[in-house]
N, C-alpha and C. Protein backbone atom coordinates (compact mmCIF):
# COMPACT_ATOMS: atom_id res chain seq x y z
N MET A 1 104.70 -57.56 93.63
CA MET A 1 105.32 -56.64 93.07
C MET A 1 104.11 -55.18 93.61
N ASP A 2 104.99 -54.64 93.84
CA ASP A 2 104.53 -53.10 94.27
C ASP A 2 104.65 -51.98 92.60
N ILE A 3 103.57 -51.64 92.52
CA ILE A 3 103.88 -50.51 91.33
C ILE A 3 102.89 -49.19 91.11
N VAL A 4 104.10 -48.00 91.15
CA VAL A 4 102.99 -47.10 91.31
C VAL A 4 102.58 -46.41 89.60
N VAL A 5 101.42 -46.26 89.66
CA VAL A 5 100.73 -46.27 88.27
C VAL A 5 100.33 -44.71 88.00
N ARG A 6 100.92 -43.86 87.37
CA ARG A 6 100.54 -42.28 87.08
C ARG A 6 99.32 -42.27 86.25
N PHE A 7 98.84 -41.52 86.41
CA PHE A 7 97.73 -40.70 85.46
C PHE A 7 97.74 -39.69 84.75
N PHE A 8 97.64 -39.27 83.77
CA PHE A 8 97.85 -37.96 82.90
C PHE A 8 96.49 -37.30 82.85
N ALA A 9 96.52 -36.07 82.79
CA ALA A 9 95.27 -35.52 82.04
C ALA A 9 94.13 -35.72 82.62
N ILE A 10 93.14 -35.79 81.63
CA ILE A 10 91.64 -36.57 82.25
C ILE A 10 91.66 -37.70 83.07
N TYR A 11 92.54 -38.97 82.83
CA TYR A 11 92.68 -40.13 83.72
C TYR A 11 92.72 -39.33 85.32
N ARG A 12 93.53 -38.67 85.51
CA ARG A 12 93.77 -37.84 86.92
C ARG A 12 92.57 -37.51 87.15
N GLU A 13 91.74 -36.54 86.36
CA GLU A 13 90.72 -36.24 86.97
C GLU A 13 89.54 -36.91 87.31
N ARG A 14 89.47 -37.97 86.00
CA ARG A 14 88.58 -39.19 86.39
C ARG A 14 89.20 -40.38 87.89
N ALA A 15 90.40 -40.45 87.84
CA ALA A 15 90.60 -41.30 89.19
C ALA A 15 90.80 -40.33 90.44
N ALA A 16 90.44 -39.27 90.37
CA ALA A 16 90.57 -38.26 91.18
C ALA A 16 92.00 -38.37 92.19
N CYS A 17 92.84 -38.75 91.56
CA CYS A 17 94.10 -38.70 91.85
C CYS A 17 95.46 -38.94 91.05
N SER A 18 96.37 -38.70 91.23
CA SER A 18 97.80 -38.54 90.26
C SER A 18 98.55 -39.66 90.20
N SER A 19 98.30 -40.29 91.50
CA SER A 19 98.97 -41.61 90.89
C SER A 19 98.51 -42.65 91.67
N HIS A 20 98.63 -44.43 91.70
CA HIS A 20 98.05 -45.20 92.49
C HIS A 20 99.14 -46.18 92.69
N GLU A 21 99.03 -46.98 94.14
CA GLU A 21 100.29 -47.93 94.38
C GLU A 21 99.12 -49.58 93.83
N LEU A 22 99.48 -49.95 93.24
CA LEU A 22 99.43 -51.51 92.72
C LEU A 22 100.13 -52.54 92.85
N VAL A 23 99.31 -53.71 93.86
CA VAL A 23 100.20 -54.63 94.35
C VAL A 23 99.64 -55.67 92.92
N LEU A 24 100.69 -56.28 91.98
CA LEU A 24 100.50 -57.40 91.37
C LEU A 24 101.82 -58.20 91.40
N PRO A 25 100.96 -59.30 91.13
CA PRO A 25 101.83 -60.76 91.54
C PRO A 25 103.56 -60.64 90.63
N GLU A 26 103.97 -61.21 90.99
CA GLU A 26 105.63 -61.40 89.90
C GLU A 26 104.96 -62.07 88.31
N GLY A 27 105.48 -61.34 87.57
CA GLY A 27 105.12 -61.62 86.28
C GLY A 27 103.82 -61.35 85.34
N ALA A 28 103.24 -60.31 86.10
CA ALA A 28 102.03 -59.54 85.97
C ALA A 28 102.51 -58.59 84.47
N THR A 29 101.99 -58.60 83.82
CA THR A 29 101.88 -57.49 82.19
C THR A 29 101.48 -56.78 82.68
N VAL A 30 101.11 -55.87 81.33
CA VAL A 30 101.20 -54.18 80.77
C VAL A 30 99.53 -54.70 81.12
N ALA A 31 98.93 -55.83 80.29
CA ALA A 31 97.30 -56.21 80.14
C ALA A 31 96.97 -56.51 81.52
N ASP A 32 97.26 -57.30 82.67
CA ASP A 32 96.79 -57.31 83.61
C ASP A 32 97.00 -56.27 84.58
N MET A 33 97.90 -54.77 84.35
CA MET A 33 97.90 -54.16 85.33
C MET A 33 96.60 -53.28 84.97
N THR A 34 96.37 -53.23 83.62
CA THR A 34 95.15 -52.53 82.80
C THR A 34 93.70 -52.92 83.64
N ILE A 35 93.68 -54.05 83.44
CA ILE A 35 92.67 -54.97 84.34
C ILE A 35 92.38 -54.30 85.49
N GLU A 36 93.44 -54.86 86.14
CA GLU A 36 93.19 -54.11 88.00
C GLU A 36 93.01 -52.86 88.26
N ILE A 37 93.47 -51.98 87.33
CA ILE A 37 93.37 -50.34 86.91
C ILE A 37 91.61 -50.18 86.98
N ARG A 38 91.46 -50.65 86.13
CA ARG A 38 89.64 -50.71 85.42
C ARG A 38 88.80 -50.82 86.50
N LYS A 39 89.07 -52.20 87.47
CA LYS A 39 88.65 -52.43 88.25
C LYS A 39 88.52 -51.39 89.74
N ILE A 40 89.37 -50.68 90.05
CA ILE A 40 89.60 -49.83 91.20
C ILE A 40 88.74 -48.76 90.57
N PHE A 41 89.46 -48.41 89.34
CA PHE A 41 88.86 -46.96 88.95
C PHE A 41 88.03 -47.32 88.03
N PRO A 42 86.61 -47.44 88.32
CA PRO A 42 85.96 -48.19 86.82
C PRO A 42 85.34 -46.54 85.67
N ARG A 43 85.54 -45.62 86.25
CA ARG A 43 85.02 -44.58 85.64
C ARG A 43 86.40 -43.87 84.53
N LEU A 44 87.47 -44.57 84.84
CA LEU A 44 88.69 -43.96 84.21
C LEU A 44 88.54 -43.91 82.62
N ALA A 45 88.13 -45.39 81.87
CA ALA A 45 87.83 -45.20 80.30
C ALA A 45 86.78 -46.39 80.30
N PRO A 46 85.93 -45.88 79.21
CA PRO A 46 84.74 -46.69 78.89
C PRO A 46 85.44 -48.28 78.29
N PRO A 47 84.84 -49.14 78.26
CA PRO A 47 85.52 -50.65 78.14
C PRO A 47 85.81 -50.56 76.42
N GLU A 48 85.37 -49.91 75.67
CA GLU A 48 86.23 -49.85 74.24
C GLU A 48 87.30 -48.98 74.18
N VAL A 49 87.72 -48.30 74.89
CA VAL A 49 88.90 -47.36 74.98
C VAL A 49 89.97 -48.17 75.14
N ASN A 50 90.70 -48.26 74.36
CA ASN A 50 92.31 -48.84 74.63
C ASN A 50 93.19 -47.72 74.92
N ILE A 51 93.50 -47.90 76.45
CA ILE A 51 94.24 -47.20 77.48
C ILE A 51 95.52 -47.39 77.08
N VAL A 52 96.46 -46.03 76.82
CA VAL A 52 97.52 -46.23 76.06
C VAL A 52 98.95 -46.37 77.60
N VAL A 53 99.70 -47.23 77.69
CA VAL A 53 100.47 -47.35 78.55
C VAL A 53 101.52 -46.97 78.64
N ALA A 54 102.75 -46.35 79.30
CA ALA A 54 104.29 -46.05 78.78
C ALA A 54 104.86 -46.83 80.34
N VAL A 55 105.88 -47.77 80.16
CA VAL A 55 106.15 -48.16 81.04
C VAL A 55 108.04 -47.87 80.76
N ASN A 56 108.51 -46.94 82.05
CA ASN A 56 110.01 -46.42 81.86
C ASN A 56 110.07 -45.49 80.48
N ALA A 57 109.01 -44.84 80.02
CA ALA A 57 109.46 -43.67 79.30
C ALA A 57 108.89 -44.47 77.80
N ASP A 58 108.73 -45.43 77.34
CA ASP A 58 108.38 -46.19 76.44
C ASP A 58 106.61 -46.43 76.37
N TYR A 59 106.37 -46.14 75.03
CA TYR A 59 104.93 -46.83 74.86
C TYR A 59 104.94 -48.62 74.94
N ALA A 60 104.14 -49.15 75.83
CA ALA A 60 103.99 -50.59 75.92
C ALA A 60 102.85 -51.41 75.61
N GLU A 61 103.16 -52.56 74.87
CA GLU A 61 102.24 -53.01 74.57
C GLU A 61 101.48 -53.68 75.49
N PRO A 62 100.46 -54.44 75.56
CA PRO A 62 99.56 -55.11 76.70
C PRO A 62 100.53 -56.48 76.99
N ASP A 63 101.49 -56.69 76.36
CA ASP A 63 101.99 -58.00 76.52
C ASP A 63 103.55 -58.10 77.47
N VAL A 64 103.76 -56.79 77.32
CA VAL A 64 104.61 -56.38 78.35
C VAL A 64 104.96 -56.67 79.91
N LEU A 65 106.32 -57.09 80.01
CA LEU A 65 106.16 -57.62 81.81
C LEU A 65 106.60 -56.46 82.48
N LEU A 66 105.96 -56.50 83.67
CA LEU A 66 106.31 -55.66 84.72
C LEU A 66 107.19 -55.64 85.31
N HIS A 67 107.95 -54.74 86.20
CA HIS A 67 108.95 -55.28 87.26
C HIS A 67 108.71 -54.21 88.35
N GLN A 68 108.86 -54.71 89.27
CA GLN A 68 108.86 -54.01 90.65
C GLN A 68 110.22 -52.64 90.52
N GLY A 69 109.73 -51.17 90.63
CA GLY A 69 110.34 -50.22 90.32
C GLY A 69 109.87 -49.01 88.74
N ASP A 70 109.09 -50.30 88.07
CA ASP A 70 108.89 -49.53 86.97
C ASP A 70 107.95 -48.01 86.64
N ASP A 71 108.73 -47.17 85.89
CA ASP A 71 107.64 -46.09 85.98
C ASP A 71 106.41 -45.95 85.17
N VAL A 72 105.58 -46.01 85.37
CA VAL A 72 104.16 -46.82 84.86
C VAL A 72 103.45 -45.84 84.74
N CYS A 73 102.66 -45.13 83.42
CA CYS A 73 102.11 -44.21 83.07
C CYS A 73 101.12 -44.34 82.10
N LEU A 74 99.65 -43.94 82.41
CA LEU A 74 98.36 -44.12 81.65
C LEU A 74 97.95 -42.90 81.08
N ILE A 75 98.19 -42.70 79.81
CA ILE A 75 97.96 -41.61 79.10
C ILE A 75 96.78 -42.10 78.15
N PRO A 76 96.03 -40.47 78.10
CA PRO A 76 94.36 -40.61 77.53
C PRO A 76 94.75 -40.18 75.94
N PRO A 77 93.62 -40.88 75.06
CA PRO A 77 93.69 -40.40 74.03
C PRO A 77 94.04 -38.90 74.08
N VAL A 78 94.42 -38.39 72.83
CA VAL A 78 94.65 -37.13 72.65
C VAL A 78 94.06 -37.08 71.24
N SER A 79 93.37 -35.64 71.06
CA SER A 79 92.51 -35.31 69.69
C SER A 79 93.03 -33.91 69.64
N GLY A 80 92.97 -33.52 68.69
CA GLY A 80 93.19 -32.23 68.21
C GLY A 80 93.59 -32.01 67.07
N GLY A 81 94.32 -30.74 66.36
CA GLY A 81 94.41 -30.71 64.85
C GLY A 81 95.51 -29.34 64.35
């Protein structure tokens, strides 16, 4: 299946693009997608950083199944006060 992954804020800067089309096997999860994205964009986030993922505008746990046409966004950690 084809999934378009969108990058926000610092992830967009580090990826040098605002989105990337990723081909994943049927039954792939958010965790599978994150592993593949980290391979393609190794500077996106250090291994110890948990990349927050939203699928169809809802935060998604690593075990959530992805489907063709899902809106997938990677959201970097936010700091401030």
